[in-house]
Structure formats: C-alpha cells, structure tokens
Amino acid sequence: MICPNCGKEYNERMTCCISCGTDLVPYEQGTEQTAFEPLIPEESFHAAVSESAGFVREISGHSAAPAAPAEDIREEIPVPSAAERSSLSVSGAARFAGSLISSLMMFAFILLFSVSSAVRLATSDVKIARFAESLDVMNLPASETAIPTEGYGVSEDATVQEAIFVMSQGTGLSRDDIKKIYETSTIQEFITAQLTEYALFIRSGKIPEKLTADKLKGVFSENLNLIDDALGRPLSQHDINMAFSEIDSVQPVLDKLSPDSLEELMGGGGITALRLLSSMPIIIGAAALAMAMLPLLRAINKKSSAMLRWGGGAALAGGAAVSATIFLFTVQPAPIRDKLFRSIAKCAADVISPDMYRIGGGLAVLGAVMLIWAGTLKKARSADS
C-alpha cells in the first residue's frame, strides 16, 4: 500500500497514512510515485488538519470534532492572592478573639453564679442553724471575743473555754463542766436566733433587734439550773451579781455588732453588695448569661464542635475553680489572718461545702461532656470528608 499524497509505502494491512492521514491505495509495480494524484486536495487536507490540531483522519460523511486547545484542557487551580490570604488570616484571628472573650465571659458568669449561690446558702435559716451547731465556740480565741479577760491573768492565746475556766477558779467548775454547760444550755439557740436576724438583714435589709447586755443576762438566767447542777450547789446572789457586772462590761463590744457598725465596718456598699449577691435575680441572671454565651460561640465559629469546645472549657474551668476554692477554705482559709474570722469562715465553708461541691462537680462534668461531644463531632466530620 502507498500513500497517493506523500508517497510513503506501507504493508497491506495499513489503510491510512500515519503522516498525513490520506487513505492508502494499492501499490502497482513499475508505476512511479509521481503518477498518483492525491484523492483529497492538499489545501482541503491541510485546512482539515489545521482545524483538528492533530493527525485526524477525515472520513466521508463524518466530521472530526476539533480538539480543544491545550490551555483550555488544562484544569486551572485557583491560587489565593496575598490580599485573600491576609483576609483569611484576619478572619481566623477575629474568630479566635471573639471565642476567647465569650468563653472568658462565660467563666466570669459561672463564678458570679457560684459566689451568689454560696452567699445565699450561707444566709439561709437551715445553714445558719447548722453553722451554730458546728461552730466550736469553746475553741475560739478569747482575746477576740466579747469575754472580759482583763484582770484575771488570762493568757493572750487562751481559748474561750480556758478563759472561763481561769475566771471561774474557786467555784469548783472544771473544763469539762464548762463545755457541758455550753452544749446543754440555750446559748446555741440564742446564737442561732441572732445570726438568723443578721442574715435576714443582709438579704432584705430588715434591721434586727439590738444586741444588748440585758439579752445576755436573760440567757444566763435561763441556764442557772445547769450551772447549779454542775457546781453541785446553787449560785449565791453575790456570784450572780458579779456575773451580771461582767456581762455589762461587754456592752461596748456588743455595740460594734450593731447593723450600723457593720455597715460602717464593711463600707457603704458592702452590705448592699452582699444583699445583691444573695438575691435570686442575680443567681438566675448569672446562670442565664452563662448559657447565653453558647449561642454566641456558635454564631462566631459557625460550627457546633467549636462552640462545645470553648463552652466546655469554660464550664470545666469554672467547676474546678469552685471546687478548689471551697476545698481551700475548708482546709485552711489562709487569706484571712484574724484567727476568729478564720475559724468562722472555715466553719461556714464546712457547712455549705456539700452544696458547693455539687455545683462545682456538676459544672466540671458538664464541661467534660461538652468537650467529649466536640471531639466526637470533629471525628465524624473528618470521616465524612
């Protein structure tokens, strides 16, 4: 076989010229190559070849589809410009900053809710009664209480029990007798009633009755039978008058415990701040604002996993902070140097610690669940992609 156009020779199995695409014709011996005329005009062939941009065989009744230019076939990969990369970087930084601020606000609202709950619990009637029962009055420092120890030779670091024992020498009362009288007397009930009135003053502003020496004399008179039983004989009127005289001497100390003195001691806004902290609107509002940060985190990040991750971290940190704080106060409230107030703070922390541990533990568990949920959503999204 031979190409009538370019004259190239092929075997009998070929039907088309691989150089120019012309149909081959049988080769005849003795016939010169120049005797053959191209079956397809050269101009038409070159036009078809140029249009097809390659070696395309033209068949009668069919038209070859023009090949797309190389630059059209090549897939274009978009490359972000420097401005677009800068925009993406700024957007990511803005999301991070917004998420961080929102989570910090959530943490702050959680702490506000916890502190308000602690003040509310500490000023409740049930907790005050338990506080009065738990407070070891006999072990309090006598120098910081209302006990008049001057002139009795009581040491500066003596407890209330030791001071009363020194002051009652000659009466036959032992240290155990003094503790037994306190535990079986109405003194605890009196302390509970006074603390309840002051708690109501903190909550609602209702001014309690003034604590006077006459009230203390009444408590002493109510428990004369217990003192007589401990002594094994009734107190003489002389001894009772001496006790009343000592009680009258503590009136200046009692005046410092009046509501006006407490407001002056804590500053003009101290009692008001405690009153606000212990109010239910503050507790409910703080909890609502903490929860409101979750939709805000969702709007900032556009992903539920990011919302759960930031919110879970804030809840876990809040729960850990609450639990750690109440633990420190129950072990030893180191920030308070005054031994009397340190003992009172420790006893108050012991009373409300079960409720505060439940709050802190609940927040920590909620935060851990949210973090685990966020990890699960992230893994599921990675598997889908």
Protein backbone atom coordinates (compact mmCIF):
# COMPACT_ATOMS: atom_id res chain seq x y z
CA MET A 1 0.00 0.00 0.00
CA ILE A 2 1.17 3.50 -0.82
CA CYS A 3 0.07 7.00 0.10
CA PRO A 4 -1.02 8.87 -3.00
CA ASN A 5 -0.24 12.19 -1.31
CA CYS A 6 3.20 11.86 0.26
CA GLY A 7 4.31 8.61 -1.43
CA LYS A 8 5.10 6.68 1.72
CA GLU A 9 4.83 2.90 1.39
CA TYR A 10 3.09 0.62 3.87
CA ASN A 11 2.21 -3.05 4.14
CA GLU A 12 -1.11 -4.40 3.01
CA ARG A 13 -2.66 -4.21 6.47
CA MET A 14 -2.41 -0.41 6.68
CA THR A 15 -5.28 1.62 5.29
CA CYS A 16 -4.34 5.16 6.28
CA CYS A 17 -1.10 7.17 6.13
CA ILE A 18 0.18 7.89 9.58
CA SER A 19 1.91 11.05 8.40
CA CYS A 20 -0.77 12.91 6.51
CA GLY A 21 -3.91 10.87 7.14
CA THR A 22 -4.62 10.11 3.45
CA ASP A 23 -6.26 6.79 2.51
CA LEU A 24 -3.73 4.35 1.07
CA VAL A 25 -4.08 2.80 -2.37
CA PRO A 26 -2.65 -0.48 -3.76
CA TYR A 27 0.94 -0.22 -4.95
CA GLU A 28 1.50 -1.19 -8.64
CA GLN A 29 4.91 -2.44 -9.82
CA GLY A 30 6.58 -0.11 -12.35
CA THR A 31 4.34 2.78 -11.55
CA GLU A 32 6.17 5.86 -10.42
CA GLN A 33 5.18 7.64 -7.32
CA THR A 34 4.51 10.83 -9.24
CA ALA A 35 1.77 9.18 -11.28
CA PHE A 36 -0.60 9.12 -8.38
CA GLU A 37 -2.78 12.13 -7.69
CA PRO A 38 -3.97 12.81 -4.22
CA LEU A 39 -7.55 11.75 -3.66
CA ILE A 40 -8.05 14.69 -1.30
CA PRO A 41 -6.90 18.11 -2.38
CA GLU A 42 -3.88 19.24 -0.40
CA GLU A 43 -5.47 22.55 0.53
CA SER A 44 -8.57 20.86 1.94
CA PHE A 45 -6.43 18.33 3.80
CA HIS A 46 -4.24 20.98 5.40
CA ALA A 47 -7.31 23.01 6.35
CA ALA A 48 -8.86 19.95 8.00
CA VAL A 49 -5.61 19.11 9.72
CA SER A 50 -5.15 22.66 10.98
CA GLU A 51 -8.70 22.76 12.24
CA SER A 52 -8.32 19.43 14.03
CA ALA A 53 -4.95 20.43 15.51
CA GLY A 54 -3.56 16.91 15.08
CA PHE A 55 -3.40 13.85 12.91
CA VAL A 56 -7.11 13.29 12.36
CA ARG A 57 -8.43 11.07 9.62
CA GLU A 58 -11.28 12.61 7.67
CA ILE A 59 -13.94 10.07 6.76
CA SER A 60 -16.68 10.78 4.26
CA GLY A 61 -19.96 11.57 5.98
CA HIS A 62 -18.25 12.27 9.29
CA SER A 63 -16.66 15.39 10.66
CA ALA A 64 -13.83 15.29 13.11
CA ALA A 65 -14.51 17.10 16.37
CA PRO A 66 -11.96 19.82 16.78
CA ALA A 67 -9.60 19.19 19.67
CA ALA A 68 -9.73 21.74 22.44
CA PRO A 69 -6.64 23.88 22.80
CA ALA A 70 -4.14 22.64 25.34
CA GLU A 71 -4.62 25.65 27.55
CA ASP A 72 -8.40 25.03 27.66
CA ILE A 73 -7.98 21.34 28.58
CA ARG A 74 -5.56 22.09 31.41
CA GLU A 75 -7.52 22.43 34.67
CA GLU A 76 -6.93 25.74 36.38
CA ILE A 77 -6.16 25.57 40.12
CA PRO A 78 -7.17 28.77 41.92
CA VAL A 79 -4.33 30.26 43.94
CA PRO A 80 -5.42 32.79 46.58
CA SER A 81 -3.80 36.13 46.28
CA ALA A 82 -1.88 37.84 49.07
CA ALA A 83 -4.91 40.02 49.88
CA GLU A 84 -7.17 36.96 50.13
CA ARG A 85 -4.67 35.17 52.37
CA SER A 86 -4.48 38.24 54.60
CA SER A 87 -8.29 38.38 54.75
CA LEU A 88 -8.48 34.72 55.77
CA SER A 89 -5.86 35.27 58.46
CA VAL A 90 -7.69 38.28 59.89
CA SER A 91 -10.97 36.35 59.88
CA GLY A 92 -9.42 33.44 61.80
CA ALA A 93 -7.85 35.80 64.34
CA ALA A 94 -11.19 37.57 64.81
CA ARG A 95 -12.96 34.26 65.43
CA PHE A 96 -10.33 33.23 67.95
CA ALA A 97 -10.51 36.57 69.77
CA GLY A 98 -14.31 36.52 69.81
CA SER A 99 -14.37 32.93 71.08
CA LEU A 100 -11.81 33.69 73.78
CA ILE A 101 -13.69 36.75 75.02
CA SER A 102 -17.01 34.87 75.01
CA SER A 103 -15.56 31.93 76.92
CA LEU A 104 -13.97 34.25 79.49
CA MET A 105 -17.31 36.00 79.96
CA MET A 106 -18.96 32.61 80.40
CA PHE A 107 -16.34 31.72 83.01
CA ALA A 108 -16.95 35.02 84.83
CA PHE A 109 -20.73 34.48 84.88
CA ILE A 110 -20.20 30.95 86.22
CA LEU A 111 -18.09 32.36 89.07
CA LEU A 112 -20.71 35.02 89.78
CA PHE A 113 -23.40 32.35 89.90
CA SER A 114 -21.29 30.24 92.28
CA VAL A 115 -20.45 33.13 94.63
CA SER A 116 -24.08 34.27 94.71
CA SER A 117 -25.20 30.73 95.47
CA ALA A 118 -22.63 30.48 98.28
CA VAL A 119 -23.84 33.71 99.90
CA ARG A 120 -27.45 32.62 99.51
CA LEU A 121 -26.71 29.28 101.14
CA ALA A 122 -24.69 30.81 103.97
CA THR A 123 -27.56 33.14 104.90
CA SER A 124 -30.32 30.51 104.83
CA ASP A 125 -32.05 29.53 108.08
CA VAL A 126 -31.10 25.87 107.76
CA LYS A 127 -27.42 26.58 107.15
CA ILE A 128 -27.26 29.12 109.98
CA ALA A 129 -28.68 26.59 112.43
CA ARG A 130 -26.16 24.03 111.26
CA PHE A 131 -23.41 26.65 111.48
CA ALA A 132 -24.31 27.41 115.11
CA GLU A 133 -24.20 23.71 115.93
CA SER A 134 -20.88 23.19 114.12
CA LEU A 135 -19.08 26.28 115.41
CA ASP A 136 -16.81 25.33 118.28
CA VAL A 137 -17.30 28.42 120.44
CA MET A 138 -15.26 26.98 123.27
CA ASN A 139 -12.21 26.79 120.99
CA LEU A 140 -12.41 30.39 119.71
CA PRO A 141 -9.70 32.86 120.82
CA ALA A 142 -10.90 34.59 123.97
CA SER A 143 -8.98 37.79 123.17
CA GLU A 144 -11.07 38.35 120.03
CA THR A 145 -14.47 37.66 121.58
CA ALA A 146 -16.65 39.62 123.97
CA ILE A 147 -15.31 37.86 127.08
CA PRO A 148 -13.81 40.40 129.53
CA THR A 149 -10.49 38.78 130.44
CA GLU A 150 -8.76 41.84 131.89
CA GLY A 151 -7.60 41.44 135.44
CA TYR A 152 -7.89 37.65 135.55
CA GLY A 153 -4.44 36.74 134.31
CA VAL A 154 -5.73 35.04 131.17
CA SER A 155 -3.06 34.43 128.52
CA GLU A 156 -3.38 36.15 125.17
CA ASP A 157 -3.66 32.90 123.21
CA ALA A 158 -6.21 31.32 125.56
CA THR A 159 -9.43 29.90 124.15
CA VAL A 160 -12.90 30.77 125.43
CA GLN A 161 -13.04 27.56 127.44
CA GLU A 162 -9.66 28.21 129.05
CA ALA A 163 -10.55 31.85 129.82
CA ILE A 164 -13.83 30.89 131.51
CA PHE A 165 -12.02 28.23 133.50
CA VAL A 166 -9.47 30.78 134.76
CA MET A 167 -12.19 33.32 135.54
CA SER A 168 -14.27 30.76 137.46
CA GLN A 169 -11.48 29.46 139.65
CA GLY A 170 -12.68 28.93 143.19
CA THR A 171 -16.15 27.88 142.09
CA GLY A 172 -15.22 24.26 141.52
CA LEU A 173 -16.06 24.21 137.79
CA SER A 174 -13.79 22.10 135.61
CA ARG A 175 -13.08 22.49 131.91
CA ASP A 176 -15.41 19.60 131.14
CA ASP A 177 -18.17 21.19 133.25
CA ILE A 178 -17.85 24.43 131.29
CA LYS A 179 -18.10 22.62 127.95
CA LYS A 180 -21.07 20.54 129.16
CA ILE A 181 -22.95 23.65 130.32
CA TYR A 182 -22.44 25.26 126.92
CA GLU A 183 -23.58 22.20 124.96
CA THR A 184 -26.73 21.65 127.04
CA SER A 185 -27.69 25.30 127.53
CA THR A 186 -29.77 27.59 125.35
CA ILE A 187 -26.69 29.53 124.25
CA GLN A 188 -26.59 27.82 120.84
CA GLU A 189 -30.25 28.66 120.26
CA PHE A 190 -29.57 32.26 121.20
CA ILE A 191 -26.60 32.44 118.79
CA THR A 192 -28.72 30.87 116.02
CA ALA A 193 -31.51 33.41 116.54
CA GLN A 194 -29.10 36.34 116.43
CA LEU A 195 -27.34 35.07 113.29
CA THR A 196 -30.71 34.47 111.60
CA GLU A 197 -31.74 38.05 112.24
CA TYR A 198 -28.48 39.35 110.79
CA ALA A 199 -28.83 37.05 107.76
CA LEU A 200 -32.32 38.44 107.20
CA PHE A 201 -30.82 41.92 107.45
CA ILE A 202 -28.31 41.05 104.72
CA ARG A 203 -30.98 39.56 102.47
CA SER A 204 -33.82 42.03 102.85
CA GLY A 205 -32.47 44.97 104.83
CA LYS A 206 -34.70 44.32 107.84
CA ILE A 207 -32.85 45.74 110.84
CA PRO A 208 -32.52 43.22 113.68
CA GLU A 209 -33.09 43.96 117.31
CA LYS A 210 -30.14 45.48 119.08
CA LEU A 211 -27.91 43.03 120.86
CA THR A 212 -27.63 44.24 124.45
CA ALA A 213 -26.17 43.07 127.74
CA ASP A 214 -29.69 42.60 129.09
CA LYS A 215 -30.29 39.86 126.49
CA LEU A 216 -27.13 38.11 127.60
CA LYS A 217 -28.25 38.36 131.21
CA GLY A 218 -31.51 36.71 130.24
CA VAL A 219 -29.65 33.81 128.63
CA PHE A 220 -27.51 33.47 131.76
CA SER A 221 -30.60 33.42 133.99
CA GLU A 222 -32.25 30.75 131.76
CA ASN A 223 -29.32 28.42 132.37
CA LEU A 224 -28.78 28.95 136.11
CA ASN A 225 -30.14 25.48 136.83
CA LEU A 226 -27.47 23.89 134.63
CA ILE A 227 -24.77 25.90 136.37
CA ASP A 228 -26.13 24.92 139.78
CA ASP A 229 -26.17 21.25 138.77
CA ALA A 230 -22.58 21.45 137.55
CA LEU A 231 -21.49 23.16 140.78
CA GLY A 232 -23.49 20.87 142.99
CA ARG A 233 -24.96 23.87 144.77
CA PRO A 234 -26.92 26.98 143.78
CA LEU A 235 -25.09 30.16 142.92
CA SER A 236 -25.29 32.84 145.54
CA GLN A 237 -26.80 36.21 144.71
CA HIS A 238 -23.34 37.70 145.10
CA ASP A 239 -21.98 35.41 142.40
CA ILE A 240 -24.93 36.21 140.13
CA ASN A 241 -24.40 39.95 140.61
CA MET A 242 -20.71 39.56 139.79
CA ALA A 243 -21.63 37.67 136.61
CA PHE A 244 -24.10 40.41 135.65
CA SER A 245 -21.45 43.03 136.23
CA GLU A 246 -19.08 41.24 133.88
CA ILE A 247 -21.82 40.98 131.24
CA ASP A 248 -22.48 44.75 131.49
CA SER A 249 -18.84 45.41 130.75
CA VAL A 250 -19.11 43.85 127.26
CA GLN A 251 -21.76 46.31 126.07
CA PRO A 252 -19.21 48.35 124.03
CA VAL A 253 -18.25 45.18 122.20
CA LEU A 254 -21.93 44.39 121.52
CA ASP A 255 -22.43 47.89 120.13
CA LYS A 256 -19.83 47.11 117.47
CA LEU A 257 -22.07 44.27 116.26
CA SER A 258 -24.99 46.57 115.50
CA PRO A 259 -26.15 46.90 111.85
CA ASP A 260 -24.88 50.47 111.69
CA SER A 261 -21.45 49.42 112.92
CA LEU A 262 -21.34 46.54 110.46
CA GLU A 263 -22.22 48.84 107.57
CA GLU A 264 -19.53 51.26 108.68
CA LEU A 265 -17.01 48.42 109.00
CA MET A 266 -17.80 46.97 105.55
CA GLY A 267 -18.15 50.33 103.87
CA GLY A 268 -21.19 52.00 102.41
CA GLY A 269 -21.70 49.44 99.66
CA GLY A 270 -20.55 46.28 101.45
CA ILE A 271 -23.92 45.23 102.83
CA THR A 272 -25.61 46.29 99.60
CA ALA A 273 -23.21 44.13 97.58
CA LEU A 274 -23.91 41.12 99.80
CA ARG A 275 -27.63 41.77 99.52
CA LEU A 276 -27.40 41.82 95.73
CA LEU A 277 -25.23 38.71 95.64
CA SER A 278 -27.69 36.74 97.75
CA SER A 279 -30.71 37.74 95.64
CA MET A 280 -32.38 35.23 93.32
CA PRO A 281 -32.43 37.62 90.31
CA ILE A 282 -28.62 37.77 90.39
CA ILE A 283 -28.31 33.99 90.66
CA ILE A 284 -30.79 33.32 87.83
CA GLY A 285 -29.39 36.14 85.69
CA ALA A 286 -25.81 34.93 86.04
CA ALA A 287 -26.81 31.39 85.05
CA ALA A 288 -28.81 32.67 82.07
CA LEU A 289 -25.96 34.88 80.85
CA ALA A 290 -23.50 32.00 81.13
CA MET A 291 -25.78 29.82 78.98
CA ALA A 292 -26.28 32.68 76.52
CA MET A 293 -22.60 32.53 75.63
CA LEU A 294 -23.12 29.17 73.89
CA PRO A 295 -25.29 30.53 71.02
CA LEU A 296 -22.82 33.41 70.72
CA LEU A 297 -19.93 30.96 70.36
CA ARG A 298 -21.94 29.04 67.75
CA ALA A 299 -22.55 32.22 65.77
CA ILE A 300 -18.87 33.21 65.90
CA ASN A 301 -17.40 29.85 64.87
CA LYS A 302 -20.19 28.55 62.57
CA LYS A 303 -19.51 25.08 63.99
CA SER A 304 -21.15 23.20 66.82
CA SER A 305 -17.88 21.44 67.70
CA ALA A 306 -16.10 24.75 68.27
CA MET A 307 -19.00 26.01 70.39
CA LEU A 308 -18.88 22.87 72.55
CA ARG A 309 -15.09 23.04 72.81
CA TRP A 310 -14.96 26.66 74.01
CA GLY A 311 -18.06 26.36 76.21
CA GLY A 312 -16.93 23.05 77.67
CA GLY A 313 -13.56 24.52 78.57
CA ALA A 314 -15.19 27.45 80.38
CA ALA A 315 -17.58 25.17 82.30
CA LEU A 316 -14.79 22.77 83.26
CA ALA A 317 -12.56 25.64 84.44
CA GLY A 318 -15.43 27.17 86.43
CA GLY A 319 -16.23 23.89 88.15
CA ALA A 320 -12.57 23.33 89.01
CA ALA A 321 -12.24 26.87 90.42
CA VAL A 322 -15.34 26.48 92.62
CA SER A 323 -14.26 23.10 93.97
CA ALA A 324 -10.68 24.26 94.61
CA THR A 325 -11.82 27.42 96.42
CA ILE A 326 -14.21 25.64 98.75
CA PHE A 327 -11.57 23.00 99.40
CA LEU A 328 -9.02 25.63 100.42
CA PHE A 329 -11.48 27.30 102.78
CA THR A 330 -12.49 24.02 104.40
CA VAL A 331 -8.86 23.01 104.91
CA GLN A 332 -7.46 26.35 105.99
CA PRO A 333 -8.69 29.77 104.82
CA ALA A 334 -5.17 31.19 104.58
CA PRO A 335 -6.11 34.66 103.16
CA ILE A 336 -7.77 35.54 106.50
CA ARG A 337 -5.19 36.37 109.16
CA ASP A 338 -7.62 37.03 112.00
CA LYS A 339 -7.98 33.78 113.92
CA LEU A 340 -11.60 34.43 114.91
CA PHE A 341 -12.79 35.24 111.41
CA ARG A 342 -10.67 32.40 110.01
CA SER A 343 -12.42 29.94 112.33
CA ILE A 344 -15.83 31.35 111.41
CA ALA A 345 -15.03 31.24 107.69
CA LYS A 346 -13.81 27.66 107.95
CA CYS A 347 -16.96 26.59 109.79
CA ALA A 348 -19.18 28.37 107.25
CA ALA A 349 -17.29 26.70 104.40
CA ASP A 350 -17.74 23.30 106.06
CA VAL A 351 -21.48 23.89 106.29
CA ILE A 352 -22.01 24.90 102.65
CA SER A 353 -19.27 22.70 101.19
CA PRO A 354 -21.57 19.77 100.21
CA ASP A 355 -23.76 22.08 98.11
CA MET A 356 -20.79 23.91 96.62
CA TYR A 357 -19.06 20.64 95.73
CA ARG A 358 -22.23 19.58 93.94
CA ILE A 359 -22.22 22.84 91.98
CA GLY A 360 -18.52 22.58 91.12
CA GLY A 361 -18.75 18.88 90.28
CA GLY A 362 -21.81 19.42 88.11
CA LEU A 363 -20.06 22.18 86.16
CA ALA A 364 -16.94 20.04 85.73
CA VAL A 365 -18.96 17.04 84.48
CA LEU A 366 -20.93 19.27 82.09
CA GLY A 367 -17.70 20.73 80.71
CA ALA A 368 -16.14 17.29 80.24
CA VAL A 369 -19.24 16.02 78.42
CA MET A 370 -19.20 19.04 76.10
CA LEU A 371 -15.52 18.53 75.29
CA ILE A 372 -16.06 14.83 74.54
CA TRP A 373 -19.06 15.71 72.37
CA ALA A 374 -16.98 18.27 70.49
CA GLY A 375 -14.31 15.65 69.80
CA THR A 376 -16.93 13.19 68.54
CA LEU A 377 -18.40 15.75 66.14
CA LYS A 378 -14.94 16.62 64.82
CA LYS A 379 -14.10 12.97 64.17
CA ALA A 380 -17.43 12.40 62.43
CA ARG A 381 -16.88 15.40 60.18
CA SER A 382 -13.35 14.22 59.31
CA ALA A 383 -14.68 10.76 58.43
CA ASP A 384 -17.36 12.22 56.14
CA SER A 385 -14.84 14.35 54.30
